Amino acid sequence: MAHHIVPLKTNLITLLSLVGLTIITVLTAKFVDLGDYNLLLAMFIACIKASIVLGWFMHLKYDGMMNRTIALCGVGFLLLFVGFSYIDLFFR
């Protein structure tokens, strides 16, 4: 099976979108006051950036289903552990 070669244009668009989302994160943290929802907005933007990194920079978009399944299982376990931490924090 041959490796997928990503065009330079795709890498530049990916890089610019990550830089743009980082700038949006910084600007919303500095100038937008959503109260308790600031963290939620920052985590939402971080999840979008993580999915871009997983999809294009780590080439999961072009890999087979086995690698995608392994990556999704890792994300699932991370969410499970974070969920247990929140349950412990809020119901103490």
N, C-alpha and C. Protein backbone atom coordinates (compact mmCIF):
# COMPACT_ATOMS: atom_id res chain seq x y z
N MET A 1 0.83 -1.17 0.00
CA MET A 1 0.00 0.00 0.00
C MET A 1 0.88 1.24 0.00
N ALA A 2 0.66 2.13 -0.92
CA ALA A 2 1.48 3.34 -1.05
C ALA A 2 1.01 4.40 -0.07
N HIS A 3 1.94 5.25 0.30
CA HIS A 3 1.62 6.36 1.18
C HIS A 3 0.91 7.45 0.38
N HIS A 4 0.03 8.16 1.08
CA HIS A 4 -0.68 9.26 0.44
C HIS A 4 0.17 10.52 0.54
N ILE A 5 0.37 11.16 -0.58
CA ILE A 5 1.12 12.42 -0.62
C ILE A 5 0.12 13.57 -0.58
N VAL A 6 0.23 14.39 0.45
CA VAL A 6 -0.67 15.53 0.61
C VAL A 6 -0.06 16.72 -0.11
N PRO A 7 -0.84 17.40 -0.94
CA PRO A 7 -0.31 18.57 -1.64
C PRO A 7 0.06 19.70 -0.67
N LEU A 8 0.99 20.51 -1.09
CA LEU A 8 1.45 21.63 -0.26
C LEU A 8 0.30 22.59 0.04
N LYS A 9 -0.59 22.79 -0.92
CA LYS A 9 -1.73 23.68 -0.72
C LYS A 9 -2.60 23.21 0.45
N THR A 10 -2.82 21.89 0.56
CA THR A 10 -3.62 21.35 1.66
C THR A 10 -2.93 21.58 3.00
N ASN A 11 -1.62 21.37 3.04
CA ASN A 11 -0.88 21.61 4.29
C ASN A 11 -0.91 23.09 4.68
N LEU A 12 -0.81 23.98 3.70
CA LEU A 12 -0.85 25.41 4.02
C LEU A 12 -2.23 25.83 4.50
N ILE A 13 -3.28 25.30 3.89
CA ILE A 13 -4.64 25.62 4.34
C ILE A 13 -4.85 25.10 5.75
N THR A 14 -4.35 23.90 6.02
CA THR A 14 -4.46 23.33 7.37
C THR A 14 -3.71 24.18 8.38
N LEU A 15 -2.50 24.57 8.03
CA LEU A 15 -1.70 25.41 8.93
C LEU A 15 -2.39 26.74 9.18
N LEU A 16 -2.89 27.37 8.14
CA LEU A 16 -3.55 28.67 8.31
C LEU A 16 -4.84 28.54 9.12
N SER A 17 -5.56 27.44 8.96
CA SER A 17 -6.77 27.26 9.77
C SER A 17 -6.42 27.06 11.24
N LEU A 18 -5.33 26.34 11.53
CA LEU A 18 -4.91 26.17 12.92
C LEU A 18 -4.44 27.48 13.53
N VAL A 19 -3.71 28.26 12.77
CA VAL A 19 -3.26 29.56 13.27
C VAL A 19 -4.46 30.48 13.48
N GLY A 20 -5.42 30.46 12.54
CA GLY A 20 -6.62 31.27 12.68
C GLY A 20 -7.44 30.88 13.90
N LEU A 21 -7.58 29.58 14.13
CA LEU A 21 -8.33 29.15 15.32
C LEU A 21 -7.60 29.49 16.61
N THR A 22 -6.27 29.47 16.58
CA THR A 22 -5.51 29.89 17.76
C THR A 22 -5.71 31.37 18.04
N ILE A 23 -5.72 32.19 16.99
CA ILE A 23 -5.96 33.62 17.15
C ILE A 23 -7.38 33.86 17.69
N ILE A 24 -8.35 33.10 17.18
CA ILE A 24 -9.72 33.23 17.68
C ILE A 24 -9.80 32.85 19.15
N THR A 25 -9.07 31.80 19.54
CA THR A 25 -9.06 31.40 20.95
C THR A 25 -8.50 32.50 21.84
N VAL A 26 -7.40 33.09 21.41
CA VAL A 26 -6.78 34.16 22.21
C VAL A 26 -7.69 35.38 22.28
N LEU A 27 -8.28 35.76 21.16
CA LEU A 27 -9.15 36.94 21.15
C LEU A 27 -10.41 36.73 21.98
N THR A 28 -11.00 35.54 21.92
CA THR A 28 -12.19 35.30 22.73
C THR A 28 -11.85 35.23 24.21
N ALA A 29 -10.67 34.73 24.54
CA ALA A 29 -10.27 34.69 25.95
C ALA A 29 -10.01 36.09 26.48
N LYS A 30 -9.55 36.97 25.62
CA LYS A 30 -9.18 38.31 26.07
C LYS A 30 -10.36 39.29 26.05
N PHE A 31 -11.22 39.20 25.03
CA PHE A 31 -12.23 40.24 24.84
C PHE A 31 -13.67 39.78 25.02
N VAL A 32 -13.94 38.49 25.04
CA VAL A 32 -15.32 38.00 25.16
C VAL A 32 -15.50 37.44 26.56
N ASP A 33 -16.51 37.94 27.25
CA ASP A 33 -16.79 37.46 28.60
C ASP A 33 -18.11 36.68 28.58
N LEU A 34 -17.99 35.37 28.62
CA LEU A 34 -19.18 34.51 28.63
C LEU A 34 -19.43 33.92 30.02
N GLY A 35 -18.71 34.41 30.98
CA GLY A 35 -18.88 33.89 32.34
C GLY A 35 -18.32 32.49 32.47
N ASP A 36 -19.18 31.58 32.90
CA ASP A 36 -18.75 30.19 33.08
C ASP A 36 -18.54 29.45 31.76
N TYR A 37 -19.00 30.03 30.67
CA TYR A 37 -18.92 29.35 29.38
C TYR A 37 -17.65 29.66 28.60
N ASN A 38 -16.75 30.47 29.15
CA ASN A 38 -15.47 30.75 28.48
C ASN A 38 -14.67 29.46 28.29
N LEU A 39 -14.64 28.64 29.32
CA LEU A 39 -13.91 27.37 29.22
C LEU A 39 -14.55 26.46 28.18
N LEU A 40 -15.86 26.43 28.15
CA LEU A 40 -16.56 25.60 27.17
C LEU A 40 -16.23 26.04 25.74
N LEU A 41 -16.19 27.34 25.49
CA LEU A 41 -15.85 27.84 24.17
C LEU A 41 -14.40 27.51 23.81
N ALA A 42 -13.49 27.67 24.76
CA ALA A 42 -12.08 27.36 24.49
C ALA A 42 -11.89 25.87 24.22
N MET A 43 -12.60 25.02 24.95
CA MET A 43 -12.48 23.58 24.72
C MET A 43 -13.11 23.18 23.39
N PHE A 44 -14.18 23.84 22.98
CA PHE A 44 -14.80 23.56 21.69
C PHE A 44 -13.84 23.89 20.55
N ILE A 45 -13.18 25.04 20.64
CA ILE A 45 -12.21 25.42 19.62
C ILE A 45 -11.02 24.47 19.65
N ALA A 46 -10.59 24.06 20.82
CA ALA A 46 -9.48 23.11 20.93
C ALA A 46 -9.85 21.75 20.32
N CYS A 47 -11.08 21.33 20.47
CA CYS A 47 -11.52 20.07 19.85
C CYS A 47 -11.52 20.16 18.33
N ILE A 48 -11.91 21.30 17.81
CA ILE A 48 -11.86 21.50 16.36
C ILE A 48 -10.41 21.45 15.88
N LYS A 49 -9.51 22.11 16.61
CA LYS A 49 -8.10 22.08 16.22
C LYS A 49 -7.53 20.67 16.32
N ALA A 50 -7.91 19.93 17.33
CA ALA A 50 -7.41 18.55 17.48
C ALA A 50 -7.91 17.66 16.35
N SER A 51 -9.15 17.86 15.94
CA SER A 51 -9.66 17.04 14.83
C SER A 51 -8.97 17.39 13.51
N ILE A 52 -8.60 18.65 13.32
CA ILE A 52 -7.84 19.03 12.13
C ILE A 52 -6.46 18.38 12.15
N VAL A 53 -5.82 18.41 13.31
CA VAL A 53 -4.49 17.79 13.42
C VAL A 53 -4.58 16.28 13.18
N LEU A 54 -5.57 15.64 13.78
CA LEU A 54 -5.73 14.19 13.59
C LEU A 54 -6.05 13.85 12.14
N GLY A 55 -6.90 14.62 11.53
CA GLY A 55 -7.34 14.30 10.18
C GLY A 55 -6.30 14.55 9.10
N TRP A 56 -5.65 15.71 9.15
CA TRP A 56 -4.77 16.06 8.04
C TRP A 56 -3.30 15.92 8.38
N PHE A 57 -2.84 16.43 9.51
CA PHE A 57 -1.42 16.32 9.81
C PHE A 57 -1.03 14.89 10.17
N MET A 58 -1.90 14.14 10.81
CA MET A 58 -1.60 12.74 11.16
C MET A 58 -2.14 11.78 10.11
N HIS A 59 -2.74 12.30 9.05
CA HIS A 59 -3.19 11.55 7.87
C HIS A 59 -4.25 10.50 8.19
N LEU A 60 -5.04 10.69 9.23
CA LEU A 60 -6.12 9.74 9.51
C LEU A 60 -7.21 9.81 8.46
N LYS A 61 -7.32 10.93 7.80
CA LYS A 61 -8.33 11.07 6.74
C LYS A 61 -8.03 10.11 5.59
N TYR A 62 -6.76 9.83 5.38
CA TYR A 62 -6.36 9.01 4.25
C TYR A 62 -6.03 7.57 4.64
N ASP A 63 -6.02 7.25 5.94
CA ASP A 63 -5.70 5.91 6.41
C ASP A 63 -6.92 5.00 6.37
N GLY A 64 -6.68 3.75 6.70
CA GLY A 64 -7.75 2.77 6.72
C GLY A 64 -8.58 2.87 7.99
N MET A 65 -9.61 2.06 8.05
CA MET A 65 -10.55 2.10 9.18
C MET A 65 -9.90 1.63 10.48
N MET A 66 -8.90 0.77 10.41
CA MET A 66 -8.25 0.28 11.63
C MET A 66 -7.59 1.43 12.39
N ASN A 67 -6.85 2.28 11.70
CA ASN A 67 -6.20 3.40 12.37
C ASN A 67 -7.22 4.41 12.89
N ARG A 68 -8.29 4.63 12.15
CA ARG A 68 -9.33 5.53 12.62
C ARG A 68 -10.00 4.99 13.87
N THR A 69 -10.24 3.68 13.89
CA THR A 69 -10.88 3.05 15.05
C THR A 69 -9.99 3.15 16.28
N ILE A 70 -8.70 2.92 16.10
CA ILE A 70 -7.75 3.03 17.22
C ILE A 70 -7.74 4.46 17.76
N ALA A 71 -7.71 5.45 16.87
CA ALA A 71 -7.70 6.84 17.31
C ALA A 71 -9.00 7.20 18.02
N LEU A 72 -10.13 6.75 17.50
CA LEU A 72 -11.41 7.04 18.15
C LEU A 72 -11.54 6.34 19.49
N CYS A 73 -10.98 5.15 19.62
CA CYS A 73 -10.99 4.48 20.93
C CYS A 73 -10.17 5.26 21.95
N GLY A 74 -9.04 5.81 21.51
CA GLY A 74 -8.23 6.64 22.40
C GLY A 74 -8.98 7.87 22.86
N VAL A 75 -9.68 8.52 21.93
CA VAL A 75 -10.48 9.69 22.28
C VAL A 75 -11.63 9.29 23.20
N GLY A 76 -12.23 8.14 22.94
CA GLY A 76 -13.32 7.66 23.79
C GLY A 76 -12.87 7.41 25.22
N PHE A 77 -11.70 6.77 25.38
CA PHE A 77 -11.18 6.55 26.73
C PHE A 77 -10.82 7.86 27.41
N LEU A 78 -10.30 8.81 26.66
CA LEU A 78 -10.02 10.13 27.24
C LEU A 78 -11.29 10.78 27.75
N LEU A 79 -12.35 10.73 26.95
CA LEU A 79 -13.63 11.29 27.38
C LEU A 79 -14.19 10.56 28.59
N LEU A 80 -14.01 9.26 28.63
CA LEU A 80 -14.47 8.47 29.77
C LEU A 80 -13.75 8.90 31.05
N PHE A 81 -12.43 9.04 30.98
CA PHE A 81 -11.67 9.45 32.17
C PHE A 81 -11.98 10.88 32.59
N VAL A 82 -12.16 11.77 31.64
CA VAL A 82 -12.54 13.14 31.97
C VAL A 82 -13.93 13.15 32.59
N GLY A 83 -14.83 12.35 32.06
CA GLY A 83 -16.17 12.24 32.62
C GLY A 83 -16.16 11.76 34.06
N PHE A 84 -15.34 10.73 34.35
CA PHE A 84 -15.22 10.25 35.73
C PHE A 84 -14.65 11.33 36.64
N SER A 85 -13.71 12.11 36.14
CA SER A 85 -13.14 13.19 36.95
C SER A 85 -14.18 14.25 37.26
N TYR A 86 -15.01 14.59 36.27
CA TYR A 86 -16.07 15.58 36.51
C TYR A 86 -17.12 15.04 37.48
N ILE A 87 -17.46 13.78 37.37
CA ILE A 87 -18.42 13.19 38.31
C ILE A 87 -17.86 13.26 39.73
N ASP A 88 -16.58 12.93 39.87
CA ASP A 88 -15.96 12.98 41.19
C ASP A 88 -15.92 14.41 41.72
N LEU A 89 -15.65 15.36 40.84
CA LEU A 89 -15.55 16.75 41.26
C LEU A 89 -16.89 17.34 41.67
N PHE A 90 -17.92 17.05 40.90
CA PHE A 90 -19.21 17.70 41.13
C PHE A 90 -20.08 17.02 42.19
N PHE A 91 -19.84 15.74 42.45
CA PHE A 91 -20.68 15.02 43.42
C PHE A 91 -19.94 14.66 44.70
N ARG A 92 -18.97 15.43 45.07
CA ARG A 92 -18.26 15.21 46.32
C ARG A 92 -18.97 15.87 47.46
